[in-house]
């Protein structure tokens, strides 16, 4: 039976720091990917929802008369905010799973 000593505490600490630095780099990369995905979803949905609100302003007398500025703004902004958040969260989850299984 081989009774060779294992790695010293200093070696274990150095290896832990190296793993920690790699982990931090992966987290930053995931955050960047998630931010880009969220922004893309926000902008694309925002353009569509804003176009729908502007179209409703010109075509629907009810929409123009009964909704105030804050309601119209909310109808344009809320879908974009939701989709941006959703895409960012999905991308972060996917990236985290890829990182863990490396």
Protein backbone atom coordinates (compact mmCIF):
# COMPACT_ATOMS: atom_id res chain seq x y z
CA UNK A 1 0.00 0.00 0.00
CA UNK A 2 1.34 3.39 -1.03
CA UNK A 3 1.31 5.89 1.80
CA UNK A 4 2.54 8.91 -0.13
CA UNK A 5 1.39 12.18 1.34
CA UNK A 6 -1.35 14.06 -0.49
CA UNK A 7 -1.06 17.63 -1.65
CA UNK A 8 -0.03 20.14 0.95
CA UNK A 9 -2.41 22.75 2.26
CA UNK A 10 -0.64 25.43 0.24
CA UNK A 11 -1.09 23.41 -2.96
CA UNK A 12 -4.77 22.86 -2.17
CA UNK A 13 -5.26 26.58 -1.51
CA UNK A 14 -3.52 27.50 -4.78
CA UNK A 15 -5.70 25.06 -6.72
CA UNK A 16 -8.82 26.47 -5.04
CA UNK A 17 -7.86 30.03 -6.00
CA UNK A 18 -7.26 28.96 -9.61
CA UNK A 19 -10.67 27.25 -9.72
CA UNK A 20 -12.25 30.35 -8.18
CA UNK A 21 -10.73 32.65 -10.83
CA UNK A 22 -12.01 30.37 -13.61
CA UNK A 23 -15.42 30.33 -11.99
CA UNK A 24 -15.53 34.13 -11.78
CA UNK A 25 -14.59 34.41 -15.46
CA UNK A 26 -17.37 31.99 -16.41
CA UNK A 27 -19.90 33.92 -14.32
CA UNK A 28 -18.93 37.20 -15.99
CA UNK A 29 -19.25 35.56 -19.40
CA UNK A 30 -22.72 34.22 -18.52
CA UNK A 31 -23.81 37.61 -17.26
CA UNK A 32 -22.67 39.25 -20.49
CA UNK A 33 -24.56 36.69 -22.59
CA UNK A 34 -27.69 37.14 -20.46
CA UNK A 35 -27.56 40.93 -20.70
CA UNK A 36 -27.22 40.78 -24.49
CA UNK A 37 -30.11 38.31 -24.82
CA UNK A 38 -32.31 40.40 -22.51
CA UNK A 39 -31.56 43.63 -24.35
CA UNK A 40 -32.25 42.02 -27.72
CA UNK A 41 -35.60 40.66 -26.50
CA UNK A 42 -36.48 44.01 -24.92
CA UNK A 43 -35.73 46.02 -28.07
CA UNK A 44 -37.45 43.67 -30.50
CA UNK A 45 -40.57 43.38 -28.38
CA UNK A 46 -40.53 47.09 -27.59
CA UNK A 47 -40.57 47.99 -31.27
CA UNK A 48 -43.51 45.67 -31.89
CA UNK A 49 -45.54 46.71 -28.86
CA UNK A 50 -44.91 50.41 -29.50
CA UNK A 51 -46.01 49.99 -33.11
CA UNK A 52 -49.18 48.27 -31.89
CA UNK A 53 -49.97 51.11 -29.48
CA UNK A 54 -49.35 53.76 -32.13
CA UNK A 55 -51.53 51.82 -34.57
CA UNK A 56 -54.29 51.58 -31.98
CA UNK A 57 -54.05 55.32 -31.38
CA UNK A 58 -54.81 55.99 -35.05
CA UNK A 59 -57.42 53.30 -35.62
CA UNK A 60 -59.36 52.94 -32.36
CA UNK A 61 -61.39 55.85 -31.01
CA UNK A 62 -61.96 53.90 -27.77
CA UNK A 63 -58.24 53.38 -27.23
CA UNK A 64 -57.51 57.05 -27.87
CA UNK A 65 -60.34 58.32 -25.65
CA UNK A 66 -60.33 56.02 -22.62
CA UNK A 67 -56.66 55.32 -22.04
CA UNK A 68 -54.48 58.01 -20.58
CA UNK A 69 -50.79 58.53 -21.32
CA UNK A 70 -49.68 56.24 -18.50
CA UNK A 71 -51.92 53.40 -19.73
CA UNK A 72 -50.64 53.73 -23.27
CA UNK A 73 -47.05 53.82 -22.04
CA UNK A 74 -47.63 50.75 -19.88
CA UNK A 75 -49.13 48.85 -22.81
CA UNK A 76 -46.03 49.57 -24.89
CA UNK A 77 -43.45 49.08 -22.13
CA UNK A 78 -44.72 46.11 -20.10
CA UNK A 79 -44.44 43.40 -22.80
CA UNK A 80 -40.93 44.57 -23.68
CA UNK A 81 -39.87 44.51 -20.04
CA UNK A 82 -41.31 41.04 -19.52
CA UNK A 83 -39.71 39.53 -22.64
CA UNK A 84 -36.36 41.17 -21.93
CA UNK A 85 -36.33 39.77 -18.40
CA UNK A 86 -37.47 36.34 -19.58
CA UNK A 87 -34.82 36.07 -22.30
CA UNK A 88 -32.10 37.22 -19.92
CA UNK A 89 -33.11 34.68 -17.29
CA UNK A 90 -33.33 31.85 -19.82
CA UNK A 91 -29.90 32.69 -21.22
CA UNK A 92 -28.38 32.86 -17.74
CA UNK A 93 -29.87 29.47 -16.85
CA UNK A 94 -28.63 27.89 -20.09
CA UNK A 95 -25.15 29.34 -19.67
CA UNK A 96 -24.97 28.23 -16.04
CA UNK A 97 -25.92 24.69 -17.01
CA UNK A 98 -23.28 24.65 -19.75
CA UNK A 99 -20.68 25.96 -17.30
CA UNK A 100 -21.49 23.42 -14.62
CA UNK A 101 -21.28 20.48 -17.01
CA UNK A 102 -17.86 21.38 -18.40
